[in-house]
Amino acid sequence: MIKTNNNSEIINVINLLLAEKRTSLAILRTAIAVFTLPLSVFTVLVATSKFYEFYSSLHFLIPLLIICSILIFLGIYLIFRSFRKIKEIDYKIHEIKKQQKTMKDLIDSC
């Protein structure tokens, strides 16, 4: 992966990988929020279901359910994508630690 012995270049690569990991964690946090929003909407709909007639409100409920299902699938997609990216970054950092024995202690302290 890295074919250099220059410590500053190795540290720069690790900093870049950790920045990518922070970005993936931010996407994961956003994905969890996107995923839970429709669940909150469904909770409100169930809690207030005695105040409206389902069939008379169908023209409002169907688009709402479509939007909520799209948000659920988007949240699931972003969650899995973030997990996959975090796993790849961790693997790359592990490979750098295996290649650069002198930097192992410094990398482990990060």
PDB file of N, CA and C in Angstrom:
ATOM      1  N   MET A   1       0.822  -1.186   0.000  1.00  0.00           N
ATOM      2  CA  MET A   1       0.000   0.000   0.000  1.00  0.00           C
ATOM      3  C   MET A   1       0.866   1.250   0.000  1.00  0.00           C
ATOM      4  N   ILE A   2       1.645   1.461   1.040  1.00  0.00           N
ATOM      5  CA  ILE A   2       2.546   2.600   1.108  1.00  0.00           C
ATOM      6  C   ILE A   2       3.953   2.078   0.941  1.00  0.00           C
ATOM      7  N   LYS A   3       4.683   2.625  -0.029  1.00  0.00           N
ATOM      8  CA  LYS A   3       6.034   2.145  -0.333  1.00  0.00           C
ATOM      9  C   LYS A   3       7.096   3.142   0.102  1.00  0.00           C
ATOM     10  N   THR A   4       6.823   3.920   1.128  1.00  0.00           N
ATOM     11  CA  THR A   4       7.776   4.919   1.574  1.00  0.00           C
ATOM     12  C   THR A   4       8.161   4.683   3.019  1.00  0.00           C
ATOM     13  N   ASN A   5       9.315   5.157   3.371  1.00  0.00           N
ATOM     14  CA  ASN A   5       9.758   5.068   4.756  1.00  0.00           C
ATOM     15  C   ASN A   5       9.709   6.429   5.432  1.00  0.00           C
ATOM     16  N   ASN A   6       9.216   7.433   4.727  1.00  0.00           N
ATOM     17  CA  ASN A   6       9.130   8.771   5.272  1.00  0.00           C
ATOM     18  C   ASN A   6       7.979   8.830   6.284  1.00  0.00           C
ATOM     19  N   ASN A   7       8.326   9.113   7.538  1.00  0.00           N
ATOM     20  CA  ASN A   7       7.317   9.084   8.596  1.00  0.00           C
ATOM     21  C   ASN A   7       6.244  10.145   8.410  1.00  0.00           C
ATOM     22  N   SER A   8       6.614  11.304   7.895  1.00  0.00           N
ATOM     23  CA  SER A   8       5.607  12.362   7.726  1.00  0.00           C
ATOM     24  C   SER A   8       4.579  11.981   6.670  1.00  0.00           C
ATOM     25  N   GLU A   9       5.007  11.294   5.616  1.00  0.00           N
ATOM     26  CA  GLU A   9       4.052  10.846   4.597  1.00  0.00           C
ATOM     27  C   GLU A   9       3.099   9.794   5.164  1.00  0.00           C
ATOM     28  N   ILE A  10       3.630   8.917   5.980  1.00  0.00           N
ATOM     29  CA  ILE A  10       2.795   7.882   6.602  1.00  0.00           C
ATOM     30  C   ILE A  10       1.768   8.524   7.529  1.00  0.00           C
ATOM     31  N   ILE A  11       2.205   9.497   8.307  1.00  0.00           N
ATOM     32  CA  ILE A  11       1.287  10.190   9.217  1.00  0.00           C
ATOM     33  C   ILE A  11       0.220  10.940   8.433  1.00  0.00           C
ATOM     34  N   ASN A  12       0.606  11.549   7.302  1.00  0.00           N
ATOM     35  CA  ASN A  12      -0.374  12.245   6.465  1.00  0.00           C
ATOM     36  C   ASN A  12      -1.416  11.281   5.896  1.00  0.00           C
ATOM     37  N   VAL A  13      -0.962  10.110   5.481  1.00  0.00           N
ATOM     38  CA  VAL A  13      -1.905   9.112   4.951  1.00  0.00           C
ATOM     39  C   VAL A  13      -2.852   8.653   6.049  1.00  0.00           C
ATOM     40  N   ILE A  14      -2.331   8.423   7.231  1.00  0.00           N
ATOM     41  CA  ILE A  14      -3.182   7.983   8.337  1.00  0.00           C
ATOM     42  C   ILE A  14      -4.166   9.080   8.728  1.00  0.00           C
ATOM     43  N   ASN A  15      -3.697  10.335   8.727  1.00  0.00           N
ATOM     44  CA  ASN A  15      -4.619  11.446   9.012  1.00  0.00           C
ATOM     45  C   ASN A  15      -5.733  11.516   7.978  1.00  0.00           C
ATOM     46  N   LEU A  16      -5.394  11.282   6.714  1.00  0.00           N
ATOM     47  CA  LEU A  16      -6.411  11.275   5.667  1.00  0.00           C
ATOM     48  C   LEU A  16      -7.410  10.147   5.881  1.00  0.00           C
ATOM     49  N   LEU A  17      -6.908   8.975   6.224  1.00  0.00           N
ATOM     50  CA  LEU A  17      -7.804   7.840   6.472  1.00  0.00           C
ATOM     51  C   LEU A  17      -8.710   8.096   7.674  1.00  0.00           C
ATOM     52  N   LEU A  18      -8.154   8.709   8.719  1.00  0.00           N
ATOM     53  CA  LEU A  18      -8.982   9.007   9.887  1.00  0.00           C
ATOM     54  C   LEU A  18     -10.013  10.088   9.583  1.00  0.00           C
ATOM     55  N   ALA A  19      -9.680  11.025   8.711  1.00  0.00           N
ATOM     56  CA  ALA A  19     -10.661  12.030   8.298  1.00  0.00           C
ATOM     57  C   ALA A  19     -11.791  11.378   7.505  1.00  0.00           C
ATOM     58  N   GLU A  20     -11.439  10.430   6.631  1.00  0.00           N
ATOM     59  CA  GLU A  20     -12.468   9.689   5.899  1.00  0.00           C
ATOM     60  C   GLU A  20     -13.345   8.888   6.854  1.00  0.00           C
ATOM     61  N   LYS A  21     -12.741   8.338   7.895  1.00  0.00           N
ATOM     62  CA  LYS A  21     -13.509   7.575   8.875  1.00  0.00           C
ATOM     63  C   LYS A  21     -14.476   8.490   9.632  1.00  0.00           C
ATOM     64  N   ARG A  22     -14.023   9.688   9.995  1.00  0.00           N
ATOM     65  CA  ARG A  22     -14.918  10.644  10.663  1.00  0.00           C
ATOM     66  C   ARG A  22     -16.080  11.017   9.751  1.00  0.00           C
ATOM     67  N   THR A  23     -15.799  11.180   8.458  1.00  0.00           N
ATOM     68  CA  THR A  23     -16.865  11.481   7.507  1.00  0.00           C
ATOM     69  C   THR A  23     -17.863  10.330   7.434  1.00  0.00           C
ATOM     70  N   SER A  24     -17.361   9.110   7.406  1.00  0.00           N
ATOM     71  CA  SER A  24     -18.252   7.945   7.371  1.00  0.00           C
ATOM     72  C   SER A  24     -19.084   7.851   8.645  1.00  0.00           C
ATOM     73  N   LEU A  25     -18.496   8.195   9.782  1.00  0.00           N
ATOM     74  CA  LEU A  25     -19.256   8.189  11.029  1.00  0.00           C
ATOM     75  C   LEU A  25     -20.327   9.278  11.030  1.00  0.00           C
ATOM     76  N   ALA A  26     -20.044  10.418  10.423  1.00  0.00           N
ATOM     77  CA  ALA A  26     -21.056  11.476  10.309  1.00  0.00           C
ATOM     78  C   ALA A  26     -22.197  11.030   9.394  1.00  0.00           C
ATOM     79  N   ILE A  27     -21.855  10.343   8.309  1.00  0.00           N
ATOM     80  CA  ILE A  27     -22.890   9.809   7.425  1.00  0.00           C
ATOM     81  C   ILE A  27     -23.716   8.767   8.159  1.00  0.00           C
ATOM     82  N   LEU A  28     -23.072   7.952   8.975  1.00  0.00           N
ATOM     83  CA  LEU A  28     -23.790   6.947   9.766  1.00  0.00           C
ATOM     84  C   LEU A  28     -24.765   7.616  10.732  1.00  0.00           C
ATOM     85  N   ARG A  29     -24.324   8.673  11.392  1.00  0.00           N
ATOM     86  CA  ARG A  29     -25.199   9.402  12.317  1.00  0.00           C
ATOM     87  C   ARG A  29     -26.402   9.993  11.571  1.00  0.00           C
ATOM     88  N   THR A  30     -26.161  10.547  10.397  1.00  0.00           N
ATOM     89  CA  THR A  30     -27.243  11.098   9.592  1.00  0.00           C
ATOM     90  C   THR A  30     -28.190  10.002   9.116  1.00  0.00           C
ATOM     91  N   ALA A  31     -27.627   8.863   8.742  1.00  0.00           N
ATOM     92  CA  ALA A  31     -28.451   7.749   8.270  1.00  0.00           C
ATOM     93  C   ALA A  31     -29.362   7.225   9.374  1.00  0.00           C
ATOM     94  N   ILE A  32     -28.857   7.187  10.585  1.00  0.00           N
ATOM     95  CA  ILE A  32     -29.697   6.740  11.702  1.00  0.00           C
ATOM     96  C   ILE A  32     -30.841   7.717  11.923  1.00  0.00           C
ATOM     97  N   ALA A  33     -30.559   9.008  11.793  1.00  0.00           N
ATOM     98  CA  ALA A  33     -31.630  10.008  11.934  1.00  0.00           C
ATOM     99  C   ALA A  33     -32.647   9.890  10.812  1.00  0.00           C
ATOM    100  N   VAL A  34     -32.177   9.666   9.583  1.00  0.00           N
ATOM    101  CA  VAL A  34     -33.089   9.504   8.440  1.00  0.00           C
ATOM    102  C   VAL A  34     -33.934   8.252   8.622  1.00  0.00           C
ATOM    103  N   PHE A  35     -33.344   7.211   9.171  1.00  0.00           N
ATOM    104  CA  PHE A  35     -34.066   5.959   9.383  1.00  0.00           C
ATOM    105  C   PHE A  35     -35.119   6.090  10.482  1.00  0.00           C
ATOM    106  N   THR A  36     -34.822   6.840  11.536  1.00  0.00           N
ATOM    107  CA  THR A  36     -35.762   6.936  12.652  1.00  0.00           C
ATOM    108  C   THR A  36     -36.890   7.941  12.419  1.00  0.00           C
ATOM    109  N   LEU A  37     -36.710   8.867  11.501  1.00  0.00           N
ATOM    110  CA  LEU A  37     -37.767   9.845  11.227  1.00  0.00           C
ATOM    111  C   LEU A  37     -39.084   9.189  10.793  1.00  0.00           C
ATOM    112  N   PRO A  38     -39.077   8.287   9.806  1.00  0.00           N
ATOM    113  CA  PRO A  38     -40.343   7.624   9.447  1.00  0.00           C
ATOM    114  C   PRO A  38     -40.931   6.797  10.584  1.00  0.00           C
ATOM    115  N   LEU A  39     -40.082   6.208  11.403  1.00  0.00           N
ATOM    116  CA  LEU A  39     -40.601   5.437  12.527  1.00  0.00           C
ATOM    117  C   LEU A  39     -41.335   6.344  13.509  1.00  0.00           C
ATOM    118  N   SER A  40     -40.837   7.556  13.696  1.00  0.00           N
ATOM    119  CA  SER A  40     -41.517   8.527  14.555  1.00  0.00           C
ATOM    120  C   SER A  40     -42.851   8.945  13.947  1.00  0.00           C
ATOM    121  N   VAL A  41     -42.864   9.124  12.630  1.00  0.00           N
ATOM    122  CA  VAL A  41     -44.111   9.483  11.952  1.00  0.00           C
ATOM    123  C   VAL A  41     -45.137   8.366  12.111  1.00  0.00           C
ATOM    124  N   PHE A  42     -44.710   7.120  11.935  1.00  0.00           N
ATOM    125  CA  PHE A  42     -45.626   5.991  12.119  1.00  0.00           C
ATOM    126  C   PHE A  42     -46.148   5.920  13.545  1.00  0.00           C
ATOM    127  N   THR A  43     -45.317   6.232  14.518  1.00  0.00           N
ATOM    128  CA  THR A  43     -45.745   6.238  15.918  1.00  0.00           C
ATOM    129  C   THR A  43     -46.827   7.283  16.143  1.00  0.00           C
ATOM    130  N   VAL A  44     -46.654   8.451  15.572  1.00  0.00           N
ATOM    131  CA  VAL A  44     -47.670   9.508  15.703  1.00  0.00           C
ATOM    132  C   VAL A  44     -48.959   9.098  15.001  1.00  0.00           C
ATOM    133  N   LEU A  45     -48.845   8.491  13.834  1.00  0.00           N
ATOM    134  CA  LEU A  45     -50.042   8.047  13.123  1.00  0.00           C
ATOM    135  C   LEU A  45     -50.815   6.996  13.908  1.00  0.00           C
ATOM    136  N   VAL A  46     -50.108   6.069  14.509  1.00  0.00           N
ATOM    137  CA  VAL A  46     -50.780   5.036  15.295  1.00  0.00           C
ATOM    138  C   VAL A  46     -51.395   5.644  16.557  1.00  0.00           C
ATOM    139  N   ALA A  47     -50.670   6.559  17.202  1.00  0.00           N
ATOM    140  CA  ALA A  47     -51.169   7.160  18.440  1.00  0.00           C
ATOM    141  C   ALA A  47     -52.395   8.029  18.203  1.00  0.00           C
ATOM    142  N   THR A  48     -52.475   8.658  17.039  1.00  0.00           N
ATOM    143  CA  THR A  48     -53.614   9.540  16.749  1.00  0.00           C
ATOM    144  C   THR A  48     -54.646   8.882  15.840  1.00  0.00           C
ATOM    145  N   SER A  49     -54.572   7.593  15.653  1.00  0.00           N
ATOM    146  CA  SER A  49     -55.462   6.916  14.710  1.00  0.00           C
ATOM    147  C   SER A  49     -56.927   6.966  15.129  1.00  0.00           C
ATOM    148  N   LYS A  50     -57.216   7.178  16.402  1.00  0.00           N
ATOM    149  CA  LYS A  50     -58.614   7.255  16.823  1.00  0.00           C
ATOM    150  C   LYS A  50     -59.252   8.603  16.473  1.00  0.00           C
ATOM    151  N   PHE A  51     -58.449   9.575  16.051  1.00  0.00           N
ATOM    152  CA  PHE A  51     -58.968  10.901  15.721  1.00  0.00           C
ATOM    153  C   PHE A  51     -59.256  11.087  14.234  1.00  0.00           C
ATOM    154  N   TYR A  52     -58.965  10.109  13.411  1.00  0.00           N
ATOM    155  CA  TYR A  52     -59.248  10.233  11.981  1.00  0.00           C
ATOM    156  C   TYR A  52     -59.719   8.899  11.445  1.00  0.00           C
ATOM    157  N   GLU A  53     -60.409   8.956  10.341  1.00  0.00           N
ATOM    158  CA  GLU A  53     -60.889   7.771   9.643  1.00  0.00           C
ATOM    159  C   GLU A  53     -59.870   7.414   8.573  1.00  0.00           C
ATOM    160  N   PHE A  54     -59.399   6.201   8.590  1.00  0.00           N
ATOM    161  CA  PHE A  54     -58.330   5.769   7.687  1.00  0.00           C
ATOM    162  C   PHE A  54     -58.716   5.951   6.227  1.00  0.00           C
ATOM    163  N   TYR A  55     -59.911   5.522   5.856  1.00  0.00           N
ATOM    164  CA  TYR A  55     -60.298   5.556   4.446  1.00  0.00           C
ATOM    165  C   TYR A  55     -60.581   6.963   3.946  1.00  0.00           C
ATOM    166  N   SER A  56     -61.019   7.855   4.803  1.00  0.00           N
ATOM    167  CA  SER A  56     -61.252   9.227   4.357  1.00  0.00           C
ATOM    168  C   SER A  56     -59.953  10.029   4.270  1.00  0.00           C
ATOM    169  N   SER A  57     -58.889   9.564   4.928  1.00  0.00           N
ATOM    170  CA  SER A  57     -57.589  10.243   4.889  1.00  0.00           C
ATOM    171  C   SER A  57     -56.592   9.513   4.002  1.00  0.00           C
ATOM    172  N   LEU A  58     -57.078   8.619   3.188  1.00  0.00           N
ATOM    173  CA  LEU A  58     -56.196   7.794   2.371  1.00  0.00           C
ATOM    174  C   LEU A  58     -55.370   8.616   1.386  1.00  0.00           C
ATOM    175  N   HIS A  59     -55.937   9.701   0.872  1.00  0.00           N
ATOM    176  CA  HIS A  59     -55.202  10.523  -0.093  1.00  0.00           C
ATOM    177  C   HIS A  59     -54.024  11.258   0.564  1.00  0.00           C
ATOM    178  N   PHE A  60     -54.031  11.383   1.888  1.00  0.00           N
ATOM    179  CA  PHE A  60     -52.883  11.939   2.609  1.00  0.00           C
ATOM    180  C   PHE A  60     -51.916  10.842   3.072  1.00  0.00           C
ATOM    181  N   LEU A  61     -52.486   9.718   3.450  1.00  0.00           N
ATOM    182  CA  LEU A  61     -51.671   8.655   4.038  1.00  0.00           C
ATOM    183  C   LEU A  61     -50.805   7.921   3.019  1.00  0.00           C
ATOM    184  N   ILE A  62     -51.315   7.700   1.819  1.00  0.00           N
ATOM    185  CA  ILE A  62     -50.545   6.953   0.821  1.00  0.00           C
ATOM    186  C   ILE A  62     -49.261   7.689   0.432  1.00  0.00           C
ATOM    187  N   PRO A  63     -49.317   9.000   0.074  1.00  0.00           N
ATOM    188  CA  PRO A  63     -48.035   9.680  -0.220  1.00  0.00           C
ATOM    189  C   PRO A  63     -47.104   9.724   0.994  1.00  0.00           C
ATOM    190  N   LEU A  64     -47.676   9.882   2.181  1.00  0.00           N
ATOM    191  CA  LEU A  64     -46.860   9.897   3.388  1.00  0.00           C
ATOM    192  C   LEU A  64     -46.165   8.554   3.588  1.00  0.00           C
ATOM    193  N   LEU A  65     -46.869   7.470   3.379  1.00  0.00           N
ATOM    194  CA  LEU A  65     -46.272   6.146   3.517  1.00  0.00           C
ATOM    195  C   LEU A  65     -45.214   5.887   2.452  1.00  0.00           C
ATOM    196  N   ILE A  66     -45.424   6.399   1.250  1.00  0.00           N
ATOM    197  CA  ILE A  66     -44.418   6.253   0.187  1.00  0.00           C
ATOM    198  C   ILE A  66     -43.147   7.013   0.551  1.00  0.00           C
ATOM    199  N   ILE A  67     -43.306   8.250   1.013  1.00  0.00           N
ATOM    200  CA  ILE A  67     -42.138   9.048   1.416  1.00  0.00           C
ATOM    201  C   ILE A  67     -41.417   8.393   2.585  1.00  0.00           C
ATOM    202  N   CYS A  68     -42.162   7.888   3.541  1.00  0.00           N
ATOM    203  CA  CYS A  68     -41.543   7.229   4.702  1.00  0.00           C
ATOM    204  C   CYS A  68     -40.802   5.962   4.292  1.00  0.00           C
ATOM    205  N   SER A  69     -41.355   5.200   3.370  1.00  0.00           N
ATOM    206  CA  SER A  69     -40.658   3.982   2.936  1.00  0.00           C
ATOM    207  C   SER A  69     -39.385   4.335   2.165  1.00  0.00           C
ATOM    208  N   ILE A  70     -39.419   5.401   1.375  1.00  0.00           N
ATOM    209  CA  ILE A  70     -38.205   5.841   0.681  1.00  0.00           C
ATOM    210  C   ILE A  70     -37.146   6.262   1.693  1.00  0.00           C
ATOM    211  N   LEU A  71     -37.541   6.989   2.735  1.00  0.00           N
ATOM    212  CA  LEU A  71     -36.587   7.410   3.760  1.00  0.00           C
ATOM    213  C   LEU A  71     -36.010   6.218   4.526  1.00  0.00           C
ATOM    214  N   ILE A  72     -36.830   5.218   4.773  1.00  0.00           N
ATOM    215  CA  ILE A  72     -36.339   4.015   5.456  1.00  0.00           C
ATOM    216  C   ILE A  72     -35.291   3.307   4.596  1.00  0.00           C
ATOM    217  N   PHE A  73     -35.578   3.140   3.303  1.00  0.00           N
ATOM    218  CA  PHE A  73     -34.609   2.477   2.426  1.00  0.00           C
ATOM    219  C   PHE A  73     -33.339   3.306   2.259  1.00  0.00           C
ATOM    220  N   LEU A  74     -33.479   4.626   2.197  1.00  0.00           N
ATOM    221  CA  LEU A  74     -32.305   5.489   2.120  1.00  0.00           C
ATOM    222  C   LEU A  74     -31.462   5.374   3.388  1.00  0.00           C
ATOM    223  N   GLY A  75     -32.105   5.348   4.533  1.00  0.00           N
ATOM    224  CA  GLY A  75     -31.386   5.187   5.794  1.00  0.00           C
ATOM    225  C   GLY A  75     -30.651   3.867   5.864  1.00  0.00           C
ATOM    226  N   ILE A  76     -31.306   2.789   5.451  1.00  0.00           N
ATOM    227  CA  ILE A  76     -30.670   1.466   5.464  1.00  0.00           C
ATOM    228  C   ILE A  76     -29.479   1.440   4.514  1.00  0.00           C
ATOM    229  N   TYR A  77     -29.637   2.020   3.330  1.00  0.00           N
ATOM    230  CA  TYR A  77     -28.539   2.068   2.362  1.00  0.00           C
ATOM    231  C   TYR A  77     -27.346   2.835   2.931  1.00  0.00           C
ATOM    232  N   LEU A  78     -27.604   3.994   3.517  1.00  0.00           N
ATOM    233  CA  LEU A  78     -26.515   4.803   4.066  1.00  0.00           C
ATOM    234  C   LEU A  78     -25.834   4.121   5.249  1.00  0.00           C
ATOM    235  N   ILE A  79     -26.607   3.423   6.060  1.00  0.00           N
ATOM    236  CA  ILE A  79     -26.029   2.700   7.205  1.00  0.00           C
ATOM    237  C   ILE A  79     -25.079   1.610   6.720  1.00  0.00           C
ATOM    238  N   PHE A  80     -25.520   0.788   5.769  1.00  0.00           N
ATOM    239  CA  PHE A  80     -24.665  -0.283   5.276  1.00  0.00           C
ATOM    240  C   PHE A  80     -23.445   0.263   4.537  1.00  0.00           C
ATOM    241  N   ARG A  81     -23.639   1.338   3.784  1.00  0.00           N
ATOM    242  CA  ARG A  81     -22.520   1.956   3.074  1.00  0.00           C
ATOM    243  C   ARG A  81     -21.483   2.496   4.061  1.00  0.00           C
ATOM    244  N   SER A  82     -21.952   3.114   5.131  1.00  0.00           N
ATOM    245  CA  SER A  82     -21.033   3.656   6.135  1.00  0.00           C
ATOM    246  C   SER A  82     -20.267   2.544   6.833  1.00  0.00           C
ATOM    247  N   PHE A  83     -20.965   1.475   7.211  1.00  0.00           N
ATOM    248  CA  PHE A  83     -20.287   0.352   7.862  1.00  0.00           C
ATOM    249  C   PHE A  83     -19.218  -0.256   6.952  1.00  0.00           C
ATOM    250  N   ARG A  84     -19.550  -0.405   5.665  1.00  0.00           N
ATOM    251  CA  ARG A  84     -18.595  -0.971   4.726  1.00  0.00           C
ATOM    252  C   ARG A  84     -17.371  -0.065   4.578  1.00  0.00           C
ATOM    253  N   LYS A  85     -17.599   1.241   4.486  1.00  0.00           N
ATOM    254  CA  LYS A  85     -16.495   2.193   4.339  1.00  0.00           C
ATOM    255  C   LYS A  85     -15.619   2.219   5.595  1.00  0.00           C
ATOM    256  N   ILE A  86     -16.225   2.194   6.769  1.00  0.00           N
ATOM    257  CA  ILE A  86     -15.461   2.185   8.020  1.00  0.00           C
ATOM    258  C   ILE A  86     -14.614   0.918   8.116  1.00  0.00           C
ATOM    259  N   LYS A  87     -15.183  -0.202   7.702  1.00  0.00           N
ATOM    260  CA  LYS A  87     -14.437  -1.466   7.727  1.00  0.00           C
ATOM    261  C   LYS A  87     -13.249  -1.417   6.764  1.00  0.00           C
ATOM    262  N   GLU A  88     -13.432  -0.826   5.581  1.00  0.00           N
ATOM    263  CA  GLU A  88     -12.337  -0.694   4.618  1.00  0.00           C
ATOM    264  C   GLU A  88     -11.220   0.194   5.165  1.00  0.00           C
ATOM    265  N   ILE A  89     -11.601   1.294   5.795  1.00  0.00           N
ATOM    266  CA  ILE A  89     -10.605   2.216   6.348  1.00  0.00           C
ATOM    267  C   ILE A  89      -9.833   1.544   7.476  1.00  0.00           C
ATOM    268  N   ASP A  90     -10.526   0.831   8.342  1.00  0.00           N
ATOM    269  CA  ASP A  90      -9.848   0.112   9.419  1.00  0.00           C
ATOM    270  C   ASP A  90      -8.873  -0.919   8.864  1.00  0.00           C
ATOM    271  N   TYR A  91      -9.261  -1.581   7.783  1.00  0.00           N
ATOM    272  CA  TYR A  91      -8.375  -2.558   7.156  1.00  0.00           C
ATOM    273  C   TYR A  91      -7.133  -1.869   6.598  1.00  0.00           C
ATOM    274  N   LYS A  92      -7.307  -0.719   5.951  1.00  0.00           N
ATOM    275  CA  LYS A  92      -6.154   0.007   5.405  1.00  0.00           C
ATOM    276  C   LYS A  92      -5.202   0.453   6.513  1.00  0.00           C
ATOM    277  N   ILE A  93      -5.731   0.931   7.609  1.00  0.00           N
ATOM    278  CA  ILE A  93      -4.886   1.345   8.727  1.00  0.00           C
ATOM    279  C   ILE A  93      -4.157   0.134   9.307  1.00  0.00           C
ATOM    280  N   HIS A  94      -4.841  -0.983   9.388  1.00  0.00           N
ATOM    281  CA  HIS A  94      -4.204  -2.216   9.874  1.00  0.00           C
ATOM    282  C   HIS A  94      -3.057  -2.637   8.952  1.00  0.00           C
ATOM    283  N   GLU A  95      -3.254  -2.509   7.644  1.00  0.00           N
ATOM    284  CA  GLU A  95      -2.206  -2.852   6.689  1.00  0.00           C
ATOM    285  C   GLU A  95      -0.998  -1.925   6.843  1.00  0.00           C
ATOM    286  N   ILE A  96      -1.244  -0.652   7.079  1.00  0.00           N
ATOM    287  CA  ILE A  96      -0.140   0.284   7.294  1.00  0.00           C
ATOM    288  C   ILE A  96       0.626  -0.101   8.553  1.00  0.00           C
ATOM    289  N   LYS A  97      -0.086  -0.493   9.593  1.00  0.00           N
ATOM    290  CA  LYS A  97       0.581  -0.904  10.833  1.00  0.00           C
ATOM    291  C   LYS A  97       1.437  -2.149  10.612  1.00  0.00           C
ATOM    292  N   LYS A  98       0.961  -3.062   9.785  1.00  0.00           N
ATOM    293  CA  LYS A  98       1.750  -4.261   9.506  1.00  0.00           C
ATOM    294  C   LYS A  98       3.000  -3.931   8.703  1.00  0.00           C
ATOM    295  N   GLN A  99       2.895  -2.994   7.765  1.00  0.00           N
ATOM    296  CA  GLN A  99       4.036  -2.649   6.920  1.00  0.00           C
ATOM    297  C   GLN A  99       5.054  -1.784   7.652  1.00  0.00           C
ATOM    298  N   GLN A 100       4.592  -0.894   8.492  1.00  0.00           N
ATOM    299  CA  GLN A 100       5.470   0.068   9.157  1.00  0.00           C
ATOM    300  C   GLN A 100       5.597  -0.299  10.634  1.00  0.00           C
ATOM    301  N   LYS A 101       6.508  -1.167  10.936  1.00  0.00           N
ATOM    302  CA  LYS A 101       6.680  -1.633  12.317  1.00  0.00           C
ATOM    303  C   LYS A 101       7.116  -0.498  13.247  1.00  0.00           C
ATOM    304  N   THR A 102       7.884   0.464  12.732  1.00  0.00           N
ATOM    305  CA  THR A 102       8.376   1.549  13.581  1.00  0.00           C
ATOM    306  C   THR A 102       7.274   2.522  13.961  1.00  0.00           C
ATOM    307  N   MET A 103       6.224   2.600  13.161  1.00  0.00           N
ATOM    308  CA  MET A 103       5.135   3.543  13.412  1.00  0.00           C
ATOM    309  C   MET A 103       3.985   2.905  14.199  1.00  0.00           C
ATOM    310  N   LYS A 104       4.095   1.630  14.502  1.00  0.00           N
ATOM    311  CA  LYS A 104       2.988   0.911  15.139  1.00  0.00           C
ATOM    312  C   LYS A 104       2.538   1.544  16.455  1.00  0.00           C
ATOM    313  N   ASP A 105       3.491   1.916  17.304  1.00  0.00           N
ATOM    314  CA  ASP A 105       3.130   2.503  18.595  1.00  0.00           C
ATOM    315  C   ASP A 105       2.451   3.857  18.415  1.00  0.00           C
ATOM    316  N   LEU A 106       2.940   4.638  17.465  1.00  0.00           N
ATOM    317  CA  LEU A 106       2.331   5.941  17.210  1.00  0.00           C
ATOM    318  C   LEU A 106       0.921   5.792  16.650  1.00  0.00           C
ATOM    319  N   ILE A 107       0.730   4.839  15.761  1.00  0.00           N
ATOM    320  CA  ILE A 107      -0.587   4.615  15.163  1.00  0.00           C
ATOM    321  C   ILE A 107      -1.559   4.097  16.214  1.00  0.00           C
ATOM    322  N   ASP A 108      -1.116   3.212  17.094  1.00  0.00           N
ATOM    323  CA  ASP A 108      -1.993   2.659  18.120  1.00  0.00           C
ATOM    324  C   ASP A 108      -2.443   3.708  19.115  1.00  0.00           C
ATOM    325  N   SER A 109      -1.674   4.756  19.300  1.00  0.00           N
ATOM    326  CA  SER A 109      -2.065   5.791  20.272  1.00  0.00           C
ATOM    327  C   SER A 109      -3.119   6.727  19.697  1.00  0.00           C
ATOM    328  N   CYS A 110      -3.373   6.681  18.381  1.00  0.00           N
ATOM    329  CA  CYS A 110      -4.365   7.581  17.758  1.00  0.00           C
ATOM    330  C   CYS A 110      -5.768   7.153  18.034  1.00  0.00           C
TER     331      CYS A 110
END
